[in-house]
Amino acid sequence: EVELPPDIGAAEPAAADRWLGRYSGGPRGRVTFREYAPRTMQWLRSRVFGVEAEAYATAMAGSLEGGVELSLARSFSEGRGGGFFFFSADGRYLAKSMTRAEHHALLQLLPQYCRHMQSQPRSLLSRLSGCYSITMYGQTKFFHVLSNVFADLPPMHERFDLKGSWVDRHATPGEKTRKDSDWPASRLLRLPAQKK
């Protein structure tokens, strides 16, 4: 039986508050950064994924000597549905926005996710590394951090963004990332049996 830390679903000010800080400029100017289930996420990162706390913090903070804003600006992207994502300064992690409902669903699934990832270390599920919110100007945005599965791979000769739909899912001319309808019907994706 997997013993999980007792904080699943808990929210507390993140350690990042120390370097992000809480900026004040009246009630609408306050910035609050929160981390959800921090001990569970640390347990996943260290015990299941083998990532030390300092390595994760360094990847997410980037170089504090002036490169953070620039590296985030280069890797920031807005999705068609209005969500956003960006890569950490070193490209090892991807932060992706989610709705409040998705955030709550993720926290509810967290115990089962932890058990699955520990029992299936070669799982093809995304490796969840953090769950956060940031409140600014009276608006709260939720996001989660995932390991970038492409971080340690050689350069790819082909890339697809597959969503499971053929509606408006063609790459535009010159676009490097191809989409669902660009996938050749004759191509099959075969996975080894131990990958779940």
C-alpha atoms as a PDB file:
ATOM      1  CA  GLU A   1       0.000   0.000   0.000  1.00  0.00           C
ATOM      2  CA  VAL A   2       1.308   3.443  -0.931  1.00  0.00           C
ATOM      3  CA  GLU A   3       1.419   5.862   1.995  1.00  0.00           C
ATOM      4  CA  LEU A   4       0.777   9.400   0.788  1.00  0.00           C
ATOM      5  CA  PRO A   5       1.550  12.651   2.573  1.00  0.00           C
ATOM      6  CA  PRO A   6      -1.517  13.998   4.408  1.00  0.00           C
ATOM      7  CA  ASP A   7      -1.809  17.285   2.549  1.00  0.00           C
ATOM      8  CA  ILE A   8      -3.646  16.322  -0.635  1.00  0.00           C
ATOM      9  CA  GLY A   9      -6.000  19.178  -1.418  1.00  0.00           C
ATOM     10  CA  ALA A  10      -4.326  21.535   1.038  1.00  0.00           C
ATOM     11  CA  ALA A  11      -3.301  24.992  -0.077  1.00  0.00           C
ATOM     12  CA  GLU A  12      -0.596  27.064   1.508  1.00  0.00           C
ATOM     13  CA  PRO A  13       1.625  29.947   0.500  1.00  0.00           C
ATOM     14  CA  ALA A  14       4.303  28.544  -1.762  1.00  0.00           C
ATOM     15  CA  ALA A  15       8.002  28.672  -1.043  1.00  0.00           C
ATOM     16  CA  ALA A  16       8.110  30.790  -4.189  1.00  0.00           C
ATOM     17  CA  ASP A  17       6.587  33.620  -2.143  1.00  0.00           C
ATOM     18  CA  ARG A  18      10.099  34.194  -0.822  1.00  0.00           C
ATOM     19  CA  TRP A  19      11.395  35.165  -4.253  1.00  0.00           C
ATOM     20  CA  LEU A  20       8.162  36.175  -5.973  1.00  0.00           C
ATOM     21  CA  GLY A  21       7.004  38.077  -2.919  1.00  0.00           C
ATOM     22  CA  ARG A  22       3.641  39.574  -2.213  1.00  0.00           C
ATOM     23  CA  TYR A  23       3.556  42.876  -3.974  1.00  0.00           C
ATOM     24  CA  SER A  24       1.254  45.436  -2.514  1.00  0.00           C
ATOM     25  CA  GLY A  25      -0.189  48.487  -4.054  1.00  0.00           C
ATOM     26  CA  GLY A  26      -3.588  48.531  -2.465  1.00  0.00           C
ATOM     27  CA  PRO A  27      -6.041  45.633  -2.398  1.00  0.00           C
ATOM     28  CA  ARG A  28      -6.119  45.240  -6.185  1.00  0.00           C
ATOM     29  CA  GLY A  29      -2.332  45.340  -6.486  1.00  0.00           C
ATOM     30  CA  ARG A  30      -1.594  42.463  -4.133  1.00  0.00           C
ATOM     31  CA  VAL A  31      -0.104  39.306  -5.677  1.00  0.00           C
ATOM     32  CA  THR A  32      -0.528  35.967  -3.907  1.00  0.00           C
ATOM     33  CA  PHE A  33       1.078  32.763  -5.147  1.00  0.00           C
ATOM     34  CA  ARG A  34      -0.229  29.481  -3.670  1.00  0.00           C
ATOM     35  CA  GLU A  35       0.990  25.912  -3.901  1.00  0.00           C
ATOM     36  CA  TYR A  36      -1.500  23.043  -3.542  1.00  0.00           C
ATOM     37  CA  ALA A  37      -0.630  19.701  -1.898  1.00  0.00           C
ATOM     38  CA  PRO A  38       3.027  20.754  -1.575  1.00  0.00           C
ATOM     39  CA  ARG A  39       4.180  17.710   0.414  1.00  0.00           C
ATOM     40  CA  THR A  40       2.447  15.347  -1.994  1.00  0.00           C
ATOM     41  CA  MET A  41       4.028  17.085  -4.988  1.00  0.00           C
ATOM     42  CA  GLN A  42       7.450  16.958  -3.302  1.00  0.00           C
ATOM     43  CA  TRP A  43       6.874  13.244  -2.613  1.00  0.00           C
ATOM     44  CA  LEU A  44       6.029  12.666  -6.294  1.00  0.00           C
ATOM     45  CA  ARG A  45       9.030  14.639  -7.512  1.00  0.00           C
ATOM     46  CA  SER A  46      11.585  13.075  -5.162  1.00  0.00           C
ATOM     47  CA  ARG A  47      10.362   9.534  -4.404  1.00  0.00           C
ATOM     48  CA  VAL A  48       8.605   8.675  -7.666  1.00  0.00           C
ATOM     49  CA  PHE A  49      10.314  10.826 -10.336  1.00  0.00           C
ATOM     50  CA  GLY A  50      13.764  11.160  -8.691  1.00  0.00           C
ATOM     51  CA  VAL A  51      13.919  14.978  -8.810  1.00  0.00           C
ATOM     52  CA  GLU A  52      15.491  16.815  -5.874  1.00  0.00           C
ATOM     53  CA  ALA A  53      13.735  19.875  -4.433  1.00  0.00           C
ATOM     54  CA  GLU A  54      16.647  22.182  -5.246  1.00  0.00           C
ATOM     55  CA  ALA A  55      16.808  21.015  -8.875  1.00  0.00           C
ATOM     56  CA  TYR A  56      13.082  21.667  -9.323  1.00  0.00           C
ATOM     57  CA  ALA A  57      13.263  25.099  -7.682  1.00  0.00           C
ATOM     58  CA  THR A  58      16.262  26.049  -9.829  1.00  0.00           C
ATOM     59  CA  ALA A  59      14.517  24.909 -13.022  1.00  0.00           C
ATOM     60  CA  MET A  60      11.382  26.880 -12.198  1.00  0.00           C
ATOM     61  CA  ALA A  61      13.185  30.012 -11.009  1.00  0.00           C
ATOM     62  CA  GLY A  62      15.790  30.034 -13.751  1.00  0.00           C
ATOM     63  CA  SER A  63      18.742  32.326 -13.421  1.00  0.00           C
ATOM     64  CA  LEU A  64      17.919  34.944 -10.835  1.00  0.00           C
ATOM     65  CA  GLU A  65      20.686  37.078 -12.298  1.00  0.00           C
ATOM     66  CA  GLY A  66      18.494  38.562 -14.990  1.00  0.00           C
ATOM     67  CA  GLY A  67      17.380  35.846 -17.390  1.00  0.00           C
ATOM     68  CA  VAL A  68      14.045  34.778 -15.909  1.00  0.00           C
ATOM     69  CA  GLU A  69      11.721  37.281 -17.568  1.00  0.00           C
ATOM     70  CA  LEU A  70      13.455  36.904 -20.915  1.00  0.00           C
ATOM     71  CA  SER A  71      13.381  33.093 -20.875  1.00  0.00           C
ATOM     72  CA  LEU A  72       9.682  33.078 -19.910  1.00  0.00           C
ATOM     73  CA  ALA A  73       8.827  35.609 -22.601  1.00  0.00           C
ATOM     74  CA  ARG A  74      10.533  33.436 -25.222  1.00  0.00           C
ATOM     75  CA  SER A  75       8.655  30.301 -24.168  1.00  0.00           C
ATOM     76  CA  PHE A  76       5.210  31.775 -23.395  1.00  0.00           C
ATOM     77  CA  SER A  77       2.345  30.710 -25.622  1.00  0.00           C
ATOM     78  CA  GLU A  78      -1.384  31.313 -25.547  1.00  0.00           C
ATOM     79  CA  GLY A  79      -3.667  28.485 -26.590  1.00  0.00           C
ATOM     80  CA  ARG A  80      -6.596  28.907 -28.900  1.00  0.00           C
ATOM     81  CA  GLY A  81      -9.029  28.470 -25.998  1.00  0.00           C
ATOM     82  CA  GLY A  82      -7.455  31.346 -24.048  1.00  0.00           C
ATOM     83  CA  GLY A  83      -5.284  29.195 -21.790  1.00  0.00           C
ATOM     84  CA  PHE A  84      -1.554  29.713 -21.582  1.00  0.00           C
ATOM     85  CA  PHE A  85       1.545  27.623 -21.148  1.00  0.00           C
ATOM     86  CA  PHE A  86       5.230  28.280 -20.857  1.00  0.00           C
ATOM     87  CA  PHE A  87       8.421  26.316 -20.362  1.00  0.00           C
ATOM     88  CA  SER A  88      10.798  26.650 -17.436  1.00  0.00           C
ATOM     89  CA  ALA A  89      14.046  28.471 -18.159  1.00  0.00           C
ATOM     90  CA  ASP A  90      15.868  25.162 -18.726  1.00  0.00           C
ATOM     91  CA  GLY A  91      13.025  23.616 -20.763  1.00  0.00           C
ATOM     92  CA  ARG A  92      12.560  20.692 -18.342  1.00  0.00           C
ATOM     93  CA  TYR A  93       9.067  21.713 -17.171  1.00  0.00           C
ATOM     94  CA  LEU A  94       5.887  23.021 -18.743  1.00  0.00           C
ATOM     95  CA  ALA A  95       3.449  25.204 -16.777  1.00  0.00           C
ATOM     96  CA  LYS A  96      -0.088  25.076 -18.179  1.00  0.00           C
ATOM     97  CA  SER A  97      -3.156  26.999 -17.068  1.00  0.00           C
ATOM     98  CA  MET A  98      -6.381  25.266 -16.115  1.00  0.00           C
ATOM     99  CA  THR A  99      -9.866  26.225 -15.042  1.00  0.00           C
ATOM    100  CA  ARG A 100     -11.039  26.194 -11.421  1.00  0.00           C
ATOM    101  CA  ALA A 101     -13.078  23.029 -12.169  1.00  0.00           C
ATOM    102  CA  GLU A 102     -10.034  21.304 -13.713  1.00  0.00           C
ATOM    103  CA  HIS A 103      -7.971  22.355 -10.701  1.00  0.00           C
ATOM    104  CA  HIS A 104     -10.472  20.787  -8.268  1.00  0.00           C
ATOM    105  CA  ALA A 105     -10.752  17.618 -10.389  1.00  0.00           C
ATOM    106  CA  LEU A 106      -6.954  17.292 -10.469  1.00  0.00           C
ATOM    107  CA  LEU A 107      -6.722  17.509  -6.680  1.00  0.00           C
ATOM    108  CA  GLN A 108      -9.488  14.912  -6.313  1.00  0.00           C
ATOM    109  CA  LEU A 109      -7.642  12.522  -8.666  1.00  0.00           C
ATOM    110  CA  LEU A 110      -4.287  13.089  -6.978  1.00  0.00           C
ATOM    111  CA  PRO A 111      -4.351  10.059  -4.598  1.00  0.00           C
ATOM    112  CA  GLN A 112      -5.128   7.640  -7.450  1.00  0.00           C
ATOM    113  CA  TYR A 113      -2.571   9.370  -9.675  1.00  0.00           C
ATOM    114  CA  CYS A 114       0.128   8.985  -6.994  1.00  0.00           C
ATOM    115  CA  ARG A 115      -0.626   5.292  -6.540  1.00  0.00           C
ATOM    116  CA  HIS A 116      -0.594   4.679 -10.286  1.00  0.00           C
ATOM    117  CA  MET A 117       2.669   6.543 -10.879  1.00  0.00           C
ATOM    118  CA  GLN A 118       4.408   4.710  -8.046  1.00  0.00           C
ATOM    119  CA  SER A 119       3.212   1.286  -9.207  1.00  0.00           C
ATOM    120  CA  GLN A 120       3.795   2.053 -12.918  1.00  0.00           C
ATOM    121  CA  PRO A 121       7.052   4.051 -13.109  1.00  0.00           C
ATOM    122  CA  ARG A 122       7.154   3.735 -16.926  1.00  0.00           C
ATOM    123  CA  SER A 123       3.620   5.098 -17.308  1.00  0.00           C
ATOM    124  CA  LEU A 124       2.922   7.301 -20.312  1.00  0.00           C
ATOM    125  CA  LEU A 125       0.804   9.647 -18.187  1.00  0.00           C
ATOM    126  CA  SER A 126       2.217  13.153 -17.836  1.00  0.00           C
ATOM    127  CA  ARG A 127       4.459  13.605 -14.815  1.00  0.00           C
ATOM    128  CA  LEU A 128       2.729  16.143 -12.608  1.00  0.00           C
ATOM    129  CA  SER A 129       5.253  18.172 -10.626  1.00  0.00           C
ATOM    130  CA  GLY A 130       3.227  20.997  -9.076  1.00  0.00           C
ATOM    131  CA  CYS A 131      -0.182  22.607  -8.732  1.00  0.00           C
ATOM    132  CA  TYR A 132      -0.436  26.368  -8.115  1.00  0.00           C
ATOM    133  CA  SER A 133      -2.552  29.475  -8.262  1.00  0.00           C
ATOM    134  CA  ILE A 134      -1.692  33.114  -8.573  1.00  0.00           C
ATOM    135  CA  THR A 135      -4.022  35.951  -7.635  1.00  0.00           C
ATOM    136  CA  MET A 136      -3.468  39.398  -9.106  1.00  0.00           C
ATOM    137  CA  TYR A 137      -5.819  42.327  -9.608  1.00  0.00           C
ATOM    138  CA  GLY A 138      -8.632  40.359  -7.965  1.00  0.00           C
ATOM    139  CA  GLN A 139      -8.340  37.473 -10.483  1.00  0.00           C
ATOM    140  CA  THR A 140      -7.143  33.971  -9.590  1.00  0.00           C
ATOM    141  CA  LYS A 141      -5.523  31.784 -12.239  1.00  0.00           C
ATOM    142  CA  PHE A 142      -4.764  28.119 -11.665  1.00  0.00           C
ATOM    143  CA  PHE A 143      -1.976  26.186 -13.334  1.00  0.00           C
ATOM    144  CA  HIS A 144      -0.077  22.949 -13.032  1.00  0.00           C
ATOM    145  CA  VAL A 145       3.507  22.034 -13.854  1.00  0.00           C
ATOM    146  CA  LEU A 146       4.379  18.933 -15.869  1.00  0.00           C
ATOM    147  CA  SER A 147       7.713  17.415 -16.827  1.00  0.00           C
ATOM    148  CA  ASN A 148       8.601  18.101 -20.440  1.00  0.00           C
ATOM    149  CA  VAL A 149       8.853  14.628 -21.992  1.00  0.00           C
ATOM    150  CA  PHE A 150      10.977  16.034 -24.819  1.00  0.00           C
ATOM    151  CA  ALA A 151      13.617  17.700 -22.620  1.00  0.00           C
ATOM    152  CA  ASP A 152      16.272  14.959 -22.858  1.00  0.00           C
ATOM    153  CA  LEU A 153      15.566  13.678 -26.355  1.00  0.00           C
ATOM    154  CA  PRO A 154      17.591  14.350 -29.486  1.00  0.00           C
ATOM    155  CA  PRO A 155      16.067  16.859 -31.914  1.00  0.00           C
ATOM    156  CA  MET A 156      12.834  15.607 -33.457  1.00  0.00           C
ATOM    157  CA  HIS A 157      12.301  15.390 -37.193  1.00  0.00           C
ATOM    158  CA  GLU A 158       8.506  15.384 -36.832  1.00  0.00           C
ATOM    159  CA  ARG A 159       6.132  16.782 -34.181  1.00  0.00           C
ATOM    160  CA  PHE A 160       2.376  16.361 -33.751  1.00  0.00           C
ATOM    161  CA  ASP A 161      -0.086  18.069 -31.403  1.00  0.00           C
ATOM    162  CA  LEU A 162      -2.728  15.333 -31.079  1.00  0.00           C
ATOM    163  CA  LYS A 163      -5.998  16.144 -29.326  1.00  0.00           C
ATOM    164  CA  GLY A 164      -8.270  13.348 -30.553  1.00  0.00           C
ATOM    165  CA  SER A 165     -10.348  15.482 -32.918  1.00  0.00           C
ATOM    166  CA  TRP A 166     -10.339  16.081 -36.651  1.00  0.00           C
ATOM    167  CA  VAL A 167     -12.359  19.306 -36.494  1.00  0.00           C
ATOM    168  CA  ASP A 168     -10.131  22.187 -37.626  1.00  0.00           C
ATOM    169  CA  ARG A 169      -7.025  20.119 -36.838  1.00  0.00           C
ATOM    170  CA  HIS A 170      -4.729  20.763 -39.823  1.00  0.00           C
ATOM    171  CA  ALA A 171      -1.419  22.550 -39.575  1.00  0.00           C
ATOM    172  CA  THR A 172      -1.223  25.756 -41.558  1.00  0.00           C
ATOM    173  CA  PRO A 173       1.402  25.983 -44.339  1.00  0.00           C
ATOM    174  CA  GLY A 174       4.824  26.549 -42.776  1.00  0.00           C
ATOM    175  CA  GLU A 175       3.711  25.469 -39.305  1.00  0.00           C
ATOM    176  CA  LYS A 176       6.293  23.086 -37.787  1.00  0.00           C
ATOM    177  CA  THR A 177       3.909  21.228 -35.478  1.00  0.00           C
ATOM    178  CA  ARG A 178       1.424  19.064 -37.325  1.00  0.00           C
ATOM    179  CA  LYS A 179      -2.044  18.180 -36.025  1.00  0.00           C
ATOM    180  CA  ASP A 180      -4.527  15.297 -35.879  1.00  0.00           C
ATOM    181  CA  SER A 181      -5.715  15.477 -39.480  1.00  0.00           C
ATOM    182  CA  ASP A 182      -2.097  15.555 -40.699  1.00  0.00           C
ATOM    183  CA  TRP A 183      -1.400  12.114 -39.153  1.00  0.00           C
ATOM    184  CA  PRO A 184      -1.113   9.552 -41.989  1.00  0.00           C
ATOM    185  CA  ALA A 185      -3.956   6.987 -41.806  1.00  0.00           C
ATOM    186  CA  SER A 186      -1.496   4.204 -42.620  1.00  0.00           C
ATOM    187  CA  ARG A 187       0.759   5.003 -39.641  1.00  0.00           C
ATOM    188  CA  LEU A 188       0.216   3.018 -36.452  1.00  0.00           C
ATOM    189  CA  LEU A 189       1.625   3.833 -33.033  1.00  0.00           C
ATOM    190  CA  ARG A 190       2.811   0.698 -31.257  1.00  0.00           C
ATOM    191  CA  LEU A 191       3.744   0.787 -27.591  1.00  0.00           C
ATOM    192  CA  PRO A 192       5.509  -1.913 -25.547  1.00  0.00           C
ATOM    193  CA  ALA A 193       3.196  -3.869 -23.227  1.00  0.00           C
ATOM    194  CA  GLN A 194       4.882  -2.518 -20.060  1.00  0.00           C
ATOM    195  CA  LYS A 195       3.897   1.058 -20.948  1.00  0.00           C
ATOM    196  CA  LYS A 196       0.538   1.891 -19.385  1.00  0.00           C
END
